[in-house]
């Protein structure tokens, strides 16, 4: 009996250490979103470069989390519920890493946009959109720590607002491009930024799904509301960049 308690205690300590890394990683991702948005609005190349360089630390933390999770799986042989926790943590870390990649990609495009004529009002709209995603992420991480499925479900539904912001922005970009062909290059970059932010929202909802799975043992059955963004695509891609560009 004492041996079982010792193993359980060791597992709890391992899990607490891994969860601390997840929260640290989440904090860095929140900062990347915030700094990337600020660099876009202020047209600050140095801030954009800060986001790009900071992505390395996010990637390193994901690798560290995965390594520690693999060690726990190998040495502790967790029971069903504990196994669910370890696997969910790995998936959450993966979603955080992807959000970090999108922040890095936004920073790259910002460094190009500073050399182009600003498109009136778009940077403020993109900042509002990214601020909503950042708030969703902060709430998702809080729900993760509290194992709160109700809060997680609310986050899933908030992604609809992000989708609607994206759709509205896309229509604005089309208008600017039709009014003046000289706006096309800048609007294309801004569209890709908007699409990257929209995809961040999707990854935050995936984190919320994992929180619900952790708390209840089941993935959400209902499909979350999703505004139709598929019709708002510029031919040739979905606005994302390769992670290792």
C-alpha atoms as a PDB file:
ATOM      1  CA  UNK A   1       0.000   0.000   0.000  1.00  0.00           C
ATOM      2  CA  UNK A   2       2.810   2.395   0.925  1.00  0.00           C
ATOM      3  CA  UNK A   3       4.472   1.589  -2.379  1.00  0.00           C
ATOM      4  CA  UNK A   4       1.315   2.502  -4.329  1.00  0.00           C
ATOM      5  CA  UNK A   5       1.027   5.773  -2.417  1.00  0.00           C
ATOM      6  CA  UNK A   6       4.664   6.560  -3.171  1.00  0.00           C
ATOM      7  CA  UNK A   7       4.126   5.933  -6.890  1.00  0.00           C
ATOM      8  CA  UNK A   8       0.981   8.082  -6.883  1.00  0.00           C
ATOM      9  CA  UNK A   9       2.810  10.862  -5.077  1.00  0.00           C
ATOM     10  CA  UNK A  10       5.704  10.710  -7.551  1.00  0.00           C
ATOM     11  CA  UNK A  11       3.279  10.852 -10.471  1.00  0.00           C
ATOM     12  CA  UNK A  12       1.516  13.873  -8.963  1.00  0.00           C
ATOM     13  CA  UNK A  13       4.829  15.673  -8.607  1.00  0.00           C
ATOM     14  CA  UNK A  14       5.759  14.849 -12.199  1.00  0.00           C
ATOM     15  CA  UNK A  15       2.393  16.058 -13.432  1.00  0.00           C
ATOM     16  CA  UNK A  16       2.597  19.293 -11.457  1.00  0.00           C
ATOM     17  CA  UNK A  17       5.993  19.997 -12.999  1.00  0.00           C
ATOM     18  CA  UNK A  18       4.659  19.344 -16.505  1.00  0.00           C
ATOM     19  CA  UNK A  19       1.598  21.516 -15.933  1.00  0.00           C
ATOM     20  CA  UNK A  20       3.856  24.323 -14.718  1.00  0.00           C
ATOM     21  CA  UNK A  21       5.717  24.097 -18.023  1.00  0.00           C
ATOM     22  CA  UNK A  22       2.414  24.250 -19.930  1.00  0.00           C
ATOM     23  CA  UNK A  23       1.421  27.406 -18.067  1.00  0.00           C
ATOM     24  CA  UNK A  24       4.852  28.933 -18.717  1.00  0.00           C
ATOM     25  CA  UNK A  25       4.517  28.075 -22.383  1.00  0.00           C
ATOM     26  CA  UNK A  26       1.006  29.529 -22.429  1.00  0.00           C
ATOM     27  CA  UNK A  27       2.280  32.768 -20.912  1.00  0.00           C
ATOM     28  CA  UNK A  28       4.926  33.079 -23.625  1.00  0.00           C
ATOM     29  CA  UNK A  29       2.328  32.451 -26.327  1.00  0.00           C
ATOM     30  CA  UNK A  30       0.025  35.110 -24.859  1.00  0.00           C
ATOM     31  CA  UNK A  31       2.946  37.535 -24.880  1.00  0.00           C
ATOM     32  CA  UNK A  32       3.735  36.631 -28.501  1.00  0.00           C
ATOM     33  CA  UNK A  33       0.150  37.422 -29.546  1.00  0.00           C
ATOM     34  CA  UNK A  34       0.172  40.691 -27.607  1.00  0.00           C
ATOM     35  CA  UNK A  35       3.586  41.836 -28.847  1.00  0.00           C
ATOM     36  CA  UNK A  36       2.849  40.791 -32.433  1.00  0.00           C
ATOM     37  CA  UNK A  37      -0.368  42.793 -32.429  1.00  0.00           C
ATOM     38  CA  UNK A  38       1.402  45.822 -30.973  1.00  0.00           C
ATOM     39  CA  UNK A  39       4.190  45.615 -33.549  1.00  0.00           C
ATOM     40  CA  UNK A  40       1.646  45.520 -36.380  1.00  0.00           C
ATOM     41  CA  UNK A  41      -0.290  48.532 -35.139  1.00  0.00           C
ATOM     42  CA  UNK A  42       2.825  50.602 -34.354  1.00  0.00           C
ATOM     43  CA  UNK A  43       4.743  49.319 -37.401  1.00  0.00           C
ATOM     44  CA  UNK A  44       7.632  48.444 -35.094  1.00  0.00           C
ATOM     45  CA  UNK A  45      10.146  46.113 -36.749  1.00  0.00           C
ATOM     46  CA  UNK A  46      12.099  45.560 -33.524  1.00  0.00           C
ATOM     47  CA  UNK A  47       9.003  44.267 -31.730  1.00  0.00           C
ATOM     48  CA  UNK A  48       8.226  41.987 -34.665  1.00  0.00           C
ATOM     49  CA  UNK A  49      11.753  40.576 -34.519  1.00  0.00           C
ATOM     50  CA  UNK A  50      11.294  40.024 -30.786  1.00  0.00           C
ATOM     51  CA  UNK A  51       8.283  37.806 -31.532  1.00  0.00           C
ATOM     52  CA  UNK A  52      10.231  35.832 -34.124  1.00  0.00           C
ATOM     53  CA  UNK A  53      13.138  35.197 -31.779  1.00  0.00           C
ATOM     54  CA  UNK A  54      10.838  34.355 -28.873  1.00  0.00           C
ATOM     55  CA  UNK A  55       9.271  31.514 -30.833  1.00  0.00           C
ATOM     56  CA  UNK A  56      12.377  29.410 -30.234  1.00  0.00           C
ATOM     57  CA  UNK A  57      11.681  29.330 -26.507  1.00  0.00           C
ATOM     58  CA  UNK A  58       8.100  28.236 -27.158  1.00  0.00           C
ATOM     59  CA  UNK A  59       9.339  25.400 -29.354  1.00  0.00           C
ATOM     60  CA  UNK A  60      11.875  24.369 -26.706  1.00  0.00           C
ATOM     61  CA  UNK A  61       9.181  24.222 -24.030  1.00  0.00           C
ATOM     62  CA  UNK A  62       6.976  22.006 -26.196  1.00  0.00           C
ATOM     63  CA  UNK A  63       9.895  19.634 -26.692  1.00  0.00           C
ATOM     64  CA  UNK A  64      10.580  19.644 -22.951  1.00  0.00           C
ATOM     65  CA  UNK A  65       6.926  18.921 -22.158  1.00  0.00           C
ATOM     66  CA  UNK A  66       6.785  16.057 -24.650  1.00  0.00           C
ATOM     67  CA  UNK A  67      10.006  14.584 -23.268  1.00  0.00           C
ATOM     68  CA  UNK A  68       8.758  14.706 -19.689  1.00  0.00           C
ATOM     69  CA  UNK A  69       5.383  13.247 -20.714  1.00  0.00           C
ATOM     70  CA  UNK A  70       7.130  10.379 -22.499  1.00  0.00           C
ATOM     71  CA  UNK A  71       9.217   9.730 -19.378  1.00  0.00           C
ATOM     72  CA  UNK A  72       6.104   9.648 -17.200  1.00  0.00           C
ATOM     73  CA  UNK A  73       4.404   7.221 -19.576  1.00  0.00           C
ATOM     74  CA  UNK A  74       7.445   4.951 -19.571  1.00  0.00           C
ATOM     75  CA  UNK A  75       8.265   5.004 -15.862  1.00  0.00           C
ATOM     76  CA  UNK A  76       4.942   5.576 -14.076  1.00  0.00           C
ATOM     77  CA  UNK A  77       2.617   3.544 -16.302  1.00  0.00           C
ATOM     78  CA  UNK A  78      -0.341   5.754 -15.355  1.00  0.00           C
ATOM     79  CA  UNK A  79      -3.867   4.381 -14.977  1.00  0.00           C
ATOM     80  CA  UNK A  80      -6.651   5.377 -17.382  1.00  0.00           C
ATOM     81  CA  UNK A  81      -7.518   8.779 -15.895  1.00  0.00           C
ATOM     82  CA  UNK A  82      -3.901   9.779 -15.389  1.00  0.00           C
ATOM     83  CA  UNK A  83      -3.040   8.576 -18.872  1.00  0.00           C
ATOM     84  CA  UNK A  84      -5.781  10.852 -20.217  1.00  0.00           C
ATOM     85  CA  UNK A  85      -4.181  13.775 -18.411  1.00  0.00           C
ATOM     86  CA  UNK A  86      -0.730  13.149 -19.882  1.00  0.00           C
ATOM     87  CA  UNK A  87      -2.034  12.736 -23.428  1.00  0.00           C
ATOM     88  CA  UNK A  88      -4.197  15.861 -23.154  1.00  0.00           C
ATOM     89  CA  UNK A  89      -1.257  17.890 -21.878  1.00  0.00           C
ATOM     90  CA  UNK A  90       0.760  16.862 -24.936  1.00  0.00           C
ATOM     91  CA  UNK A  91      -2.069  17.922 -27.247  1.00  0.00           C
ATOM     92  CA  UNK A  92      -2.464  21.255 -25.451  1.00  0.00           C
ATOM     93  CA  UNK A  93       1.268  21.889 -25.793  1.00  0.00           C
ATOM     94  CA  UNK A  94       1.000  21.118 -29.503  1.00  0.00           C
ATOM     95  CA  UNK A  95      -1.797  23.657 -29.921  1.00  0.00           C
ATOM     96  CA  UNK A  96       0.207  26.274 -28.037  1.00  0.00           C
ATOM     97  CA  UNK A  97       3.188  25.643 -30.294  1.00  0.00           C
ATOM     98  CA  UNK A  98       1.053  26.188 -33.394  1.00  0.00           C
ATOM     99  CA  UNK A  99      -0.346  29.451 -32.010  1.00  0.00           C
ATOM    100  CA  UNK A 100       3.232  30.541 -31.426  1.00  0.00           C
ATOM    101  CA  UNK A 101       4.047  29.712 -35.037  1.00  0.00           C
ATOM    102  CA  UNK A 102       1.148  31.832 -36.273  1.00  0.00           C
ATOM    103  CA  UNK A 103       2.387  34.729 -34.116  1.00  0.00           C
ATOM    104  CA  UNK A 104       5.831  34.347 -35.671  1.00  0.00           C
ATOM    105  CA  UNK A 105       4.343  34.336 -39.155  1.00  0.00           C
ATOM    106  CA  UNK A 106       2.401  37.520 -38.399  1.00  0.00           C
ATOM    107  CA  UNK A 107       5.632  39.157 -37.261  1.00  0.00           C
ATOM    108  CA  UNK A 108       7.288  38.192 -40.547  1.00  0.00           C
ATOM    109  CA  UNK A 109       4.535  39.825 -42.569  1.00  0.00           C
ATOM    110  CA  UNK A 110       4.629  42.893 -40.326  1.00  0.00           C
ATOM    111  CA  UNK A 111       8.274  43.375 -41.255  1.00  0.00           C
ATOM    112  CA  UNK A 112       7.181  43.495 -44.902  1.00  0.00           C
ATOM    113  CA  UNK A 113       4.166  45.748 -44.312  1.00  0.00           C
ATOM    114  CA  UNK A 114       6.206  48.537 -42.709  1.00  0.00           C
ATOM    115  CA  UNK A 115       7.570  49.313 -46.175  1.00  0.00           C
ATOM    116  CA  UNK A 116       4.070  49.646 -47.685  1.00  0.00           C
ATOM    117  CA  UNK A 117       1.402  52.321 -47.515  1.00  0.00           C
ATOM    118  CA  UNK A 118      -0.834  51.726 -44.457  1.00  0.00           C
ATOM    119  CA  UNK A 119      -4.409  50.589 -45.093  1.00  0.00           C
ATOM    120  CA  UNK A 120      -6.643  52.817 -42.995  1.00  0.00           C
ATOM    121  CA  UNK A 121      -8.346  51.195 -40.018  1.00  0.00           C
ATOM    122  CA  UNK A 122      -7.163  47.642 -40.642  1.00  0.00           C
ATOM    123  CA  UNK A 123      -4.435  47.498 -37.993  1.00  0.00           C
ATOM    124  CA  UNK A 124      -6.908  48.509 -35.270  1.00  0.00           C
ATOM    125  CA  UNK A 125      -9.384  45.873 -36.453  1.00  0.00           C
ATOM    126  CA  UNK A 126      -6.672  43.207 -36.459  1.00  0.00           C
ATOM    127  CA  UNK A 127      -5.605  44.259 -32.970  1.00  0.00           C
ATOM    128  CA  UNK A 128      -9.186  43.823 -31.692  1.00  0.00           C
ATOM    129  CA  UNK A 129      -9.296  40.377 -33.268  1.00  0.00           C
ATOM    130  CA  UNK A 130      -5.977  39.296 -31.765  1.00  0.00           C
ATOM    131  CA  UNK A 131      -6.975  40.724 -28.373  1.00  0.00           C
ATOM    132  CA  UNK A 132     -10.047  38.476 -28.375  1.00  0.00           C
ATOM    133  CA  UNK A 133      -7.927  35.415 -29.202  1.00  0.00           C
ATOM    134  CA  UNK A 134      -5.468  36.331 -26.464  1.00  0.00           C
ATOM    135  CA  UNK A 135      -8.316  36.639 -23.940  1.00  0.00           C
ATOM    136  CA  UNK A 136      -9.735  33.280 -25.058  1.00  0.00           C
ATOM    137  CA  UNK A 137      -6.330  31.670 -24.572  1.00  0.00           C
ATOM    138  CA  UNK A 138      -5.897  33.122 -21.079  1.00  0.00           C
ATOM    139  CA  UNK A 139      -9.343  31.818 -20.117  1.00  0.00           C
ATOM    140  CA  UNK A 140      -8.631  28.409 -21.677  1.00  0.00           C
ATOM    141  CA  UNK A 141      -5.443  28.035 -19.639  1.00  0.00           C
ATOM    142  CA  UNK A 142      -7.327  29.048 -16.504  1.00  0.00           C
ATOM    143  CA  UNK A 143     -10.017  26.482 -17.296  1.00  0.00           C
ATOM    144  CA  UNK A 144      -7.281  23.886 -17.801  1.00  0.00           C
ATOM    145  CA  UNK A 145      -5.816  24.497 -14.362  1.00  0.00           C
ATOM    146  CA  UNK A 146      -9.279  24.387 -12.738  1.00  0.00           C
ATOM    147  CA  UNK A 147     -10.501  21.496 -14.922  1.00  0.00           C
ATOM    148  CA  UNK A 148     -13.598  23.586 -15.644  1.00  0.00           C
ATOM    149  CA  UNK A 149     -15.662  22.143 -18.530  1.00  0.00           C
ATOM    150  CA  UNK A 150     -18.312  24.893 -18.362  1.00  0.00           C
ATOM    151  CA  UNK A 151     -15.747  27.656 -18.860  1.00  0.00           C
ATOM    152  CA  UNK A 152     -14.101  25.624 -21.617  1.00  0.00           C
ATOM    153  CA  UNK A 153     -17.399  25.243 -23.465  1.00  0.00           C
ATOM    154  CA  UNK A 154     -17.984  29.000 -23.311  1.00  0.00           C
ATOM    155  CA  UNK A 155     -14.580  29.535 -24.922  1.00  0.00           C
ATOM    156  CA  UNK A 156     -15.488  27.188 -27.767  1.00  0.00           C
ATOM    157  CA  UNK A 157     -18.519  29.333 -28.588  1.00  0.00           C
ATOM    158  CA  UNK A 158     -16.565  32.595 -28.412  1.00  0.00           C
ATOM    159  CA  UNK A 159     -14.585  31.499 -31.455  1.00  0.00           C
ATOM    160  CA  UNK A 160     -17.629  32.422 -33.561  1.00  0.00           C
ATOM    161  CA  UNK A 161     -16.903  36.094 -32.803  1.00  0.00           C
ATOM    162  CA  UNK A 162     -13.368  35.671 -34.125  1.00  0.00           C
ATOM    163  CA  UNK A 163     -14.685  34.053 -37.313  1.00  0.00           C
ATOM    164  CA  UNK A 164     -17.116  36.919 -37.839  1.00  0.00           C
ATOM    165  CA  UNK A 165     -14.336  39.483 -37.364  1.00  0.00           C
ATOM    166  CA  UNK A 166     -12.295  37.659 -39.967  1.00  0.00           C
ATOM    167  CA  UNK A 167     -15.160  37.637 -42.464  1.00  0.00           C
ATOM    168  CA  UNK A 168     -15.784  41.359 -41.975  1.00  0.00           C
ATOM    169  CA  UNK A 169     -12.095  42.128 -42.462  1.00  0.00           C
ATOM    170  CA  UNK A 170     -11.930  40.048 -45.606  1.00  0.00           C
ATOM    171  CA  UNK A 171     -14.748  42.072 -47.149  1.00  0.00           C
ATOM    172  CA  UNK A 172     -12.910  45.275 -46.219  1.00  0.00           C
ATOM    173  CA  UNK A 173      -9.730  44.044 -47.870  1.00  0.00           C
ATOM    174  CA  UNK A 174     -11.641  43.281 -51.075  1.00  0.00           C
ATOM    175  CA  UNK A 175     -13.109  46.775 -51.064  1.00  0.00           C
ATOM    176  CA  UNK A 176      -9.702  48.403 -50.625  1.00  0.00           C
ATOM    177  CA  UNK A 177      -8.227  46.294 -53.441  1.00  0.00           C
ATOM    178  CA  UNK A 178     -11.060  47.107 -55.837  1.00  0.00           C
ATOM    179  CA  UNK A 179     -10.874  50.828 -55.051  1.00  0.00           C
ATOM    180  CA  UNK A 180      -7.140  51.057 -55.704  1.00  0.00           C
ATOM    181  CA  UNK A 181      -4.995  48.281 -57.229  1.00  0.00           C
ATOM    182  CA  UNK A 182      -1.993  49.766 -55.415  1.00  0.00           C
ATOM    183  CA  UNK A 183      -3.507  48.379 -52.206  1.00  0.00           C
ATOM    184  CA  UNK A 184      -3.440  44.778 -53.414  1.00  0.00           C
ATOM    185  CA  UNK A 185      -0.033  43.741 -52.051  1.00  0.00           C
ATOM    186  CA  UNK A 186      -0.624  45.218 -48.607  1.00  0.00           C
ATOM    187  CA  UNK A 187      -4.148  43.799 -48.421  1.00  0.00           C
ATOM    188  CA  UNK A 188      -2.895  40.353 -49.346  1.00  0.00           C
ATOM    189  CA  UNK A 189      -0.420  40.424 -46.443  1.00  0.00           C
ATOM    190  CA  UNK A 190      -3.101  41.775 -44.105  1.00  0.00           C
ATOM    191  CA  UNK A 191      -5.477  39.034 -45.197  1.00  0.00           C
ATOM    192  CA  UNK A 192      -2.908  36.378 -44.373  1.00  0.00           C
ATOM    193  CA  UNK A 193      -2.425  37.979 -40.954  1.00  0.00           C
ATOM    194  CA  UNK A 194      -6.177  37.938 -40.345  1.00  0.00           C
ATOM    195  CA  UNK A 195      -6.337  34.293 -41.396  1.00  0.00           C
ATOM    196  CA  UNK A 196      -3.469  33.441 -39.046  1.00  0.00           C
ATOM    197  CA  UNK A 197      -5.354  35.054 -36.148  1.00  0.00           C
ATOM    198  CA  UNK A 198      -8.514  33.148 -37.095  1.00  0.00           C
ATOM    199  CA  UNK A 199      -6.519  29.909 -37.041  1.00  0.00           C
ATOM    200  CA  UNK A 200      -5.161  30.825 -33.602  1.00  0.00           C
ATOM    201  CA  UNK A 201      -8.765  30.925 -32.412  1.00  0.00           C
ATOM    202  CA  UNK A 202      -9.295  27.424 -33.786  1.00  0.00           C
ATOM    203  CA  UNK A 203      -6.318  26.137 -31.805  1.00  0.00           C
ATOM    204  CA  UNK A 204      -7.595  27.804 -28.637  1.00  0.00           C
ATOM    205  CA  UNK A 205     -10.908  25.987 -29.095  1.00  0.00           C
ATOM    206  CA  UNK A 206      -8.942  22.746 -29.469  1.00  0.00           C
ATOM    207  CA  UNK A 207      -7.360  23.466 -26.083  1.00  0.00           C
ATOM    208  CA  UNK A 208     -10.859  24.021 -24.674  1.00  0.00           C
ATOM    209  CA  UNK A 209     -11.912  20.656 -26.143  1.00  0.00           C
ATOM    210  CA  UNK A 210      -9.046  18.987 -24.286  1.00  0.00           C
ATOM    211  CA  UNK A 211     -10.097  20.665 -21.028  1.00  0.00           C
ATOM    212  CA  UNK A 212     -13.588  19.223 -21.438  1.00  0.00           C
ATOM    213  CA  UNK A 213     -12.073  15.813 -22.181  1.00  0.00           C
ATOM    214  CA  UNK A 214      -9.883  16.060 -19.075  1.00  0.00           C
ATOM    215  CA  UNK A 215     -12.789  17.021 -16.847  1.00  0.00           C
ATOM    216  CA  UNK A 216     -15.450  14.649 -18.202  1.00  0.00           C
ATOM    217  CA  UNK A 217     -13.586  11.845 -19.958  1.00  0.00           C
ATOM    218  CA  UNK A 218     -15.396  12.611 -23.217  1.00  0.00           C
ATOM    219  CA  UNK A 219     -14.760  14.949 -26.120  1.00  0.00           C
ATOM    220  CA  UNK A 220     -17.571  17.447 -26.833  1.00  0.00           C
ATOM    221  CA  UNK A 221     -20.253  15.821 -28.953  1.00  0.00           C
ATOM    222  CA  UNK A 222     -21.807  18.968 -30.373  1.00  0.00           C
ATOM    223  CA  UNK A 223     -20.075  20.822 -33.147  1.00  0.00           C
ATOM    224  CA  UNK A 224     -19.197  24.302 -31.975  1.00  0.00           C
ATOM    225  CA  UNK A 225     -20.756  27.176 -33.955  1.00  0.00           C
ATOM    226  CA  UNK A 226     -18.509  28.035 -36.873  1.00  0.00           C
ATOM    227  CA  UNK A 227     -18.984  30.998 -39.161  1.00  0.00           C
ATOM    228  CA  UNK A 228     -18.371  30.073 -42.777  1.00  0.00           C
ATOM    229  CA  UNK A 229     -14.851  31.264 -43.520  1.00  0.00           C
ATOM    230  CA  UNK A 230     -14.270  28.819 -46.355  1.00  0.00           C
ATOM    231  CA  UNK A 231     -15.842  31.137 -48.932  1.00  0.00           C
ATOM    232  CA  UNK A 232     -13.503  33.900 -47.845  1.00  0.00           C
ATOM    233  CA  UNK A 233     -10.323  32.427 -49.245  1.00  0.00           C
ATOM    234  CA  UNK A 234      -7.884  33.950 -51.661  1.00  0.00           C
ATOM    235  CA  UNK A 235      -6.982  31.353 -54.247  1.00  0.00           C
ATOM    236  CA  UNK A 236      -3.662  29.695 -53.518  1.00  0.00           C
ATOM    237  CA  UNK A 237      -3.827  28.992 -49.791  1.00  0.00           C
ATOM    238  CA  UNK A 238      -5.521  29.410 -46.447  1.00  0.00           C
ATOM    239  CA  UNK A 239      -3.353  32.259 -45.243  1.00  0.00           C
ATOM    240  CA  UNK A 240      -0.978  30.123 -43.218  1.00  0.00           C
ATOM    241  CA  UNK A 241       2.769  29.859 -43.506  1.00  0.00           C
ATOM    242  CA  UNK A 242       5.036  26.933 -42.970  1.00  0.00           C
ATOM    243  CA  UNK A 243       6.281  26.737 -39.384  1.00  0.00           C
ATOM    244  CA  UNK A 244       9.922  26.476 -40.354  1.00  0.00           C
ATOM    245  CA  UNK A 245      10.051  29.335 -42.839  1.00  0.00           C
END
